[in-house]
Amino acid sequence: MQGWTTRLIVALLLLPVLPPGSVSAAPAPLRGISVDLSWTDSRTEKFLDTGEEKPGYQTSQVLLYISEQGRFFSRFNRVAKGNNNRLVNAAVSGEGKSVLNWRLEGRSVAADQKFAGSGARRIVVSFSDDASSCSLRVVHGKEGSAPIRYPGLTSHRPIELIRIEVTNTTCQVRQGNAFGQ
């Protein structure tokens, strides 16, 4: 299973960049909805400047809105080991180097995010036929055999990801624009 995940992420990283937020074929039930997503990452990280390995966790929340025109808007809020390490990314899909790049995939929407160093995160939200409920899957992957590396969330220290497990996923759909409330 782990090899499959790695190949999937590598394939995704090689795809050309898609136009920002364009989903003109989005089915009617997916238009004009907001989706609240959350999950926890339990991880072991190695600080490359000292060689020290430490366990840690990060909670993530994504607020996603799919407009009536089919454009994606999202806010990505991450907290690592407490509120002092908070980072928020708010942007239209596809704009900026660290935001989530959303697109329609059948009855699901997916977002990819390349890490600042190496590796990537993939978020997949699958909807019921009437889009009244959803499920969430989050996968992290390597670029070939390269380790996943990134700067610390707020310390910016160079980190190598040794292990990661995604738990406590939640997904909730609501009608309307959550950003406009």
C-alpha atoms as a PDB file:
ATOM      1  CA  MET A   1       0.000   0.000   0.000  1.00  0.00           C
ATOM      2  CA  GLN A   2       2.807   2.428   0.853  1.00  0.00           C
ATOM      3  CA  GLY A   3       4.496   1.938  -2.556  1.00  0.00           C
ATOM      4  CA  TRP A   4       1.190   2.636  -4.305  1.00  0.00           C
ATOM      5  CA  THR A   5       0.772   5.859  -2.349  1.00  0.00           C
ATOM      6  CA  THR A   6       4.271   6.999  -3.256  1.00  0.00           C
ATOM      7  CA  ARG A   7       3.685   6.304  -6.965  1.00  0.00           C
ATOM      8  CA  LEU A   8       0.377   8.194  -6.814  1.00  0.00           C
ATOM      9  CA  ILE A   9       1.965  11.273  -5.278  1.00  0.00           C
ATOM     10  CA  VAL A  10       4.870  11.187  -7.747  1.00  0.00           C
ATOM     11  CA  ALA A  11       2.403  11.015 -10.651  1.00  0.00           C
ATOM     12  CA  LEU A  12       0.456  13.948  -9.217  1.00  0.00           C
ATOM     13  CA  LEU A  13       3.588  16.062  -8.887  1.00  0.00           C
ATOM     14  CA  LEU A  14       4.363  15.497 -12.548  1.00  0.00           C
ATOM     15  CA  LEU A  15       0.949  16.697 -13.761  1.00  0.00           C
ATOM     16  CA  PRO A  16       0.910  20.109 -15.392  1.00  0.00           C
ATOM     17  CA  VAL A  17      -0.556  22.944 -13.346  1.00  0.00           C
ATOM     18  CA  LEU A  18      -4.308  23.206 -13.945  1.00  0.00           C
ATOM     19  CA  PRO A  19      -6.132  26.530 -14.373  1.00  0.00           C
ATOM     20  CA  PRO A  20      -7.083  28.021 -10.988  1.00  0.00           C
ATOM     21  CA  GLY A  21     -10.365  26.746  -9.606  1.00  0.00           C
ATOM     22  CA  SER A  22     -11.982  25.917 -12.926  1.00  0.00           C
ATOM     23  CA  VAL A  23     -14.636  23.195 -12.614  1.00  0.00           C
ATOM     24  CA  SER A  24     -17.283  24.114 -15.169  1.00  0.00           C
ATOM     25  CA  ALA A  25     -18.498  20.488 -15.242  1.00  0.00           C
ATOM     26  CA  ALA A  26     -19.173  20.415 -11.488  1.00  0.00           C
ATOM     27  CA  PRO A  27     -22.530  18.752 -10.864  1.00  0.00           C
ATOM     28  CA  ALA A  28     -25.266  20.997  -9.482  1.00  0.00           C
ATOM     29  CA  PRO A  29     -25.243  19.421  -5.970  1.00  0.00           C
ATOM     30  CA  LEU A  30     -21.582  20.461  -5.516  1.00  0.00           C
ATOM     31  CA  ARG A  31     -22.173  24.111  -6.424  1.00  0.00           C
ATOM     32  CA  GLY A  32     -22.867  26.656  -3.701  1.00  0.00           C
ATOM     33  CA  ILE A  33     -21.723  24.444  -0.817  1.00  0.00           C
ATOM     34  CA  SER A  34     -19.161  24.823   1.943  1.00  0.00           C
ATOM     35  CA  VAL A  35     -17.218  21.909   3.375  1.00  0.00           C
ATOM     36  CA  ASP A  36     -15.540  21.807   6.786  1.00  0.00           C
ATOM     37  CA  LEU A  37     -12.574  19.398   6.935  1.00  0.00           C
ATOM     38  CA  SER A  38     -10.264  18.520   9.806  1.00  0.00           C
ATOM     39  CA  TRP A  39      -7.658  15.927  10.711  1.00  0.00           C
ATOM     40  CA  THR A  40      -4.707  15.277  13.003  1.00  0.00           C
ATOM     41  CA  ASP A  41      -1.209  14.229  11.904  1.00  0.00           C
ATOM     42  CA  SER A  42       0.838  12.236  14.399  1.00  0.00           C
ATOM     43  CA  ARG A  43       4.417  12.390  13.204  1.00  0.00           C
ATOM     44  CA  THR A  44       8.059  11.807  13.969  1.00  0.00           C
ATOM     45  CA  GLU A  45      10.325  14.549  12.650  1.00  0.00           C
ATOM     46  CA  LYS A  46      14.099  14.772  12.438  1.00  0.00           C
ATOM     47  CA  PHE A  47      15.599  18.244  12.827  1.00  0.00           C
ATOM     48  CA  LEU A  48      18.355  18.312  10.213  1.00  0.00           C
ATOM     49  CA  ASP A  49      20.375  21.028  11.953  1.00  0.00           C
ATOM     50  CA  THR A  50      20.839  18.890  15.109  1.00  0.00           C
ATOM     51  CA  GLY A  51      19.922  15.329  14.053  1.00  0.00           C
ATOM     52  CA  GLU A  52      17.388  15.179  16.911  1.00  0.00           C
ATOM     53  CA  GLU A  53      14.202  13.154  16.330  1.00  0.00           C
ATOM     54  CA  LYS A  54      11.017  14.230  18.064  1.00  0.00           C
ATOM     55  CA  PRO A  55       7.416  13.036  18.043  1.00  0.00           C
ATOM     56  CA  GLY A  56       4.818  15.665  17.331  1.00  0.00           C
ATOM     57  CA  TYR A  57       1.372  16.340  16.052  1.00  0.00           C
ATOM     58  CA  GLN A  58      -0.366  18.860  13.874  1.00  0.00           C
ATOM     59  CA  THR A  59      -4.060  19.589  13.631  1.00  0.00           C
ATOM     60  CA  SER A  60      -5.371  20.865  10.312  1.00  0.00           C
ATOM     61  CA  GLN A  61      -8.636  22.492   9.354  1.00  0.00           C
ATOM     62  CA  VAL A  62      -9.747  23.382   5.848  1.00  0.00           C
ATOM     63  CA  LEU A  63     -12.770  25.462   5.005  1.00  0.00           C
ATOM     64  CA  LEU A  64     -13.688  24.931   1.356  1.00  0.00           C
ATOM     65  CA  TYR A  65     -16.348  26.771  -0.644  1.00  0.00           C
ATOM     66  CA  ILE A  66     -17.387  25.744  -4.166  1.00  0.00           C
ATOM     67  CA  SER A  67     -19.108  28.752  -5.721  1.00  0.00           C
ATOM     68  CA  GLU A  68     -22.203  28.677  -7.933  1.00  0.00           C
ATOM     69  CA  GLN A  69     -19.790  29.239 -10.848  1.00  0.00           C
ATOM     70  CA  GLY A  70     -17.714  26.229  -9.806  1.00  0.00           C
ATOM     71  CA  ARG A  71     -14.643  28.058  -8.434  1.00  0.00           C
ATOM     72  CA  PHE A  72     -12.879  26.801  -5.333  1.00  0.00           C
ATOM     73  CA  PHE A  73     -12.009  29.005  -2.369  1.00  0.00           C
ATOM     74  CA  SER A  74     -10.315  27.591   0.709  1.00  0.00           C
ATOM     75  CA  ARG A  75      -8.648  28.508   3.968  1.00  0.00           C
ATOM     76  CA  PHE A  76      -6.093  26.085   5.416  1.00  0.00           C
ATOM     77  CA  ASN A  77      -5.393  26.488   9.134  1.00  0.00           C
ATOM     78  CA  ARG A  78      -2.643  24.381  10.728  1.00  0.00           C
ATOM     79  CA  VAL A  79      -1.554  24.246  14.353  1.00  0.00           C
ATOM     80  CA  ALA A  80       1.494  22.262  15.483  1.00  0.00           C
ATOM     81  CA  LYS A  81       1.958  21.569  19.212  1.00  0.00           C
ATOM     82  CA  GLY A  82      -0.084  24.540  20.369  1.00  0.00           C
ATOM     83  CA  ASN A  83      -1.431  27.871  19.273  1.00  0.00           C
ATOM     84  CA  ASN A  84       2.001  29.533  19.006  1.00  0.00           C
ATOM     85  CA  ASN A  85       2.672  27.556  15.817  1.00  0.00           C
ATOM     86  CA  ARG A  86      -0.427  28.634  13.884  1.00  0.00           C
ATOM     87  CA  LEU A  87      -0.259  29.099  10.114  1.00  0.00           C
ATOM     88  CA  VAL A  88      -3.192  30.093   7.901  1.00  0.00           C
ATOM     89  CA  ASN A  89      -3.259  29.932   4.088  1.00  0.00           C
ATOM     90  CA  ALA A  90      -6.297  31.585   2.474  1.00  0.00           C
ATOM     91  CA  ALA A  91      -6.459  31.782  -1.314  1.00  0.00           C
ATOM     92  CA  VAL A  92      -8.296  31.014  -4.506  1.00  0.00           C
ATOM     93  CA  SER A  93      -7.377  27.547  -5.712  1.00  0.00           C
ATOM     94  CA  GLY A  94      -4.185  27.416  -7.733  1.00  0.00           C
ATOM     95  CA  GLU A  95      -2.793  30.789  -6.655  1.00  0.00           C
ATOM     96  CA  GLY A  96       0.392  30.762  -4.614  1.00  0.00           C
ATOM     97  CA  LYS A  97       3.032  28.130  -4.013  1.00  0.00           C
ATOM     98  CA  SER A  98       1.795  26.692  -0.713  1.00  0.00           C
ATOM     99  CA  VAL A  99      -1.986  26.750  -1.098  1.00  0.00           C
ATOM    100  CA  LEU A 100      -4.204  23.793  -1.881  1.00  0.00           C
ATOM    101  CA  ASN A 101      -4.841  23.348  -5.605  1.00  0.00           C
ATOM    102  CA  TRP A 102      -8.439  22.029  -5.839  1.00  0.00           C
ATOM    103  CA  ARG A 103     -10.111  20.291  -8.770  1.00  0.00           C
ATOM    104  CA  LEU A 104     -13.100  18.098  -9.519  1.00  0.00           C
ATOM    105  CA  GLU A 105     -12.573  14.338  -9.888  1.00  0.00           C
ATOM    106  CA  GLY A 106     -15.947  12.730 -10.640  1.00  0.00           C
ATOM    107  CA  ARG A 107     -18.076  12.909  -7.462  1.00  0.00           C
ATOM    108  CA  SER A 108     -15.030  13.959  -5.442  1.00  0.00           C
ATOM    109  CA  VAL A 109     -12.879  17.047  -5.155  1.00  0.00           C
ATOM    110  CA  ALA A 110      -9.145  16.756  -4.617  1.00  0.00           C
ATOM    111  CA  ALA A 111      -6.359  19.125  -3.664  1.00  0.00           C
ATOM    112  CA  ASP A 112      -2.621  18.718  -3.927  1.00  0.00           C
ATOM    113  CA  GLN A 113      -0.035  20.704  -2.042  1.00  0.00           C
ATOM    114  CA  LYS A 114       3.678  20.455  -2.763  1.00  0.00           C
ATOM    115  CA  PHE A 115       5.783  20.990   0.333  1.00  0.00           C
ATOM    116  CA  ALA A 116       8.368  23.806   0.333  1.00  0.00           C
ATOM    117  CA  GLY A 117      11.232  21.253   0.470  1.00  0.00           C
ATOM    118  CA  SER A 118      10.184  17.921  -1.038  1.00  0.00           C
ATOM    119  CA  GLY A 119       7.100  15.719  -0.844  1.00  0.00           C
ATOM    120  CA  ALA A 120       3.396  16.510  -1.078  1.00  0.00           C
ATOM    121  CA  ARG A 121      -0.003  16.246   0.578  1.00  0.00           C
ATOM    122  CA  ARG A 122      -3.158  15.075  -1.231  1.00  0.00           C
ATOM    123  CA  ILE A 123      -6.649  15.711   0.173  1.00  0.00           C
ATOM    124  CA  VAL A 124      -9.647  13.902  -1.321  1.00  0.00           C
ATOM    125  CA  VAL A 125     -13.243  14.715  -0.371  1.00  0.00           C
ATOM    126  CA  SER A 126     -15.818  12.190  -1.618  1.00  0.00           C
ATOM    127  CA  PHE A 127     -19.497  13.183  -1.664  1.00  0.00           C
ATOM    128  CA  SER A 128     -22.767  11.280  -1.451  1.00  0.00           C
ATOM    129  CA  ASP A 129     -24.946  11.435  -4.607  1.00  0.00           C
ATOM    130  CA  ASP A 130     -26.857  14.470  -3.327  1.00  0.00           C
ATOM    131  CA  ALA A 131     -23.716  16.068  -1.765  1.00  0.00           C
ATOM    132  CA  SER A 132     -25.350  16.168   1.672  1.00  0.00           C
ATOM    133  CA  SER A 133     -22.509  14.198   3.281  1.00  0.00           C
ATOM    134  CA  CYS A 134     -18.836  13.573   2.619  1.00  0.00           C
ATOM    135  CA  SER A 135     -15.767  11.609   3.655  1.00  0.00           C
ATOM    136  CA  LEU A 136     -12.145  12.737   3.831  1.00  0.00           C
ATOM    137  CA  ARG A 137      -8.864  11.041   2.951  1.00  0.00           C
ATOM    138  CA  VAL A 138      -5.436  12.691   3.438  1.00  0.00           C
ATOM    139  CA  VAL A 139      -2.253  11.129   2.025  1.00  0.00           C
ATOM    140  CA  HIS A 140       1.370  12.292   2.279  1.00  0.00           C
ATOM    141  CA  GLY A 141       3.929  11.117  -0.244  1.00  0.00           C
ATOM    142  CA  LYS A 142       7.537  11.269  -1.334  1.00  0.00           C
ATOM    143  CA  GLU A 143       9.056  12.313  -4.633  1.00  0.00           C
ATOM    144  CA  GLY A 144      10.593   9.018  -5.729  1.00  0.00           C
ATOM    145  CA  SER A 145      13.092   7.878  -3.106  1.00  0.00           C
ATOM    146  CA  ALA A 146      13.741  11.399  -1.765  1.00  0.00           C
ATOM    147  CA  PRO A 147      12.769  11.934   1.884  1.00  0.00           C
ATOM    148  CA  ILE A 148       9.953  14.348   2.718  1.00  0.00           C
ATOM    149  CA  ARG A 149      11.618  17.577   3.849  1.00  0.00           C
ATOM    150  CA  TYR A 150      10.243  20.982   4.722  1.00  0.00           C
ATOM    151  CA  PRO A 151      10.940  24.013   6.897  1.00  0.00           C
ATOM    152  CA  GLY A 152       9.336  24.022  10.361  1.00  0.00           C
ATOM    153  CA  LEU A 153       5.877  25.581  10.515  1.00  0.00           C
ATOM    154  CA  THR A 154       7.044  28.703  12.367  1.00  0.00           C
ATOM    155  CA  SER A 155      10.667  27.974  13.339  1.00  0.00           C
ATOM    156  CA  HIS A 156      11.626  27.389   9.690  1.00  0.00           C
ATOM    157  CA  ARG A 157      14.256  24.879  10.882  1.00  0.00           C
ATOM    158  CA  PRO A 158      14.944  22.188   8.244  1.00  0.00           C
ATOM    159  CA  ILE A 159      12.952  19.030   9.039  1.00  0.00           C
ATOM    160  CA  GLU A 160      12.818  15.538   7.577  1.00  0.00           C
ATOM    161  CA  LEU A 161       9.597  13.607   8.079  1.00  0.00           C
ATOM    162  CA  ILE A 162      10.358  10.124   9.447  1.00  0.00           C
ATOM    163  CA  ARG A 163       6.786   8.884  10.054  1.00  0.00           C
ATOM    164  CA  ILE A 164       3.266  10.290   9.687  1.00  0.00           C
ATOM    165  CA  GLU A 165      -0.191   8.939  10.466  1.00  0.00           C
ATOM    166  CA  VAL A 166      -3.437  10.781   9.727  1.00  0.00           C
ATOM    167  CA  THR A 167      -6.216  10.300  12.285  1.00  0.00           C
ATOM    168  CA  ASN A 168      -9.469  11.906  13.442  1.00  0.00           C
ATOM    169  CA  THR A 169     -10.668  12.913   9.967  1.00  0.00           C
ATOM    170  CA  THR A 170     -13.953  14.808   9.818  1.00  0.00           C
ATOM    171  CA  CYS A 171     -15.952  16.113   6.864  1.00  0.00           C
ATOM    172  CA  GLN A 172     -19.160  18.146   7.023  1.00  0.00           C
ATOM    173  CA  VAL A 173     -21.180  19.765   4.216  1.00  0.00           C
ATOM    174  CA  ARG A 174     -23.334  22.865   4.571  1.00  0.00           C
ATOM    175  CA  GLN A 175     -25.214  24.986   2.052  1.00  0.00           C
ATOM    176  CA  GLY A 176     -24.010  28.462   1.125  1.00  0.00           C
ATOM    177  CA  ASN A 177     -20.782  30.425   1.313  1.00  0.00           C
ATOM    178  CA  ALA A 178     -19.125  29.971   4.704  1.00  0.00           C
ATOM    179  CA  PHE A 179     -16.764  32.869   3.906  1.00  0.00           C
ATOM    180  CA  GLY A 180     -19.681  35.245   3.390  1.00  0.00           C
ATOM    181  CA  GLN A 181     -21.174  34.651   6.842  1.00  0.00           C
END
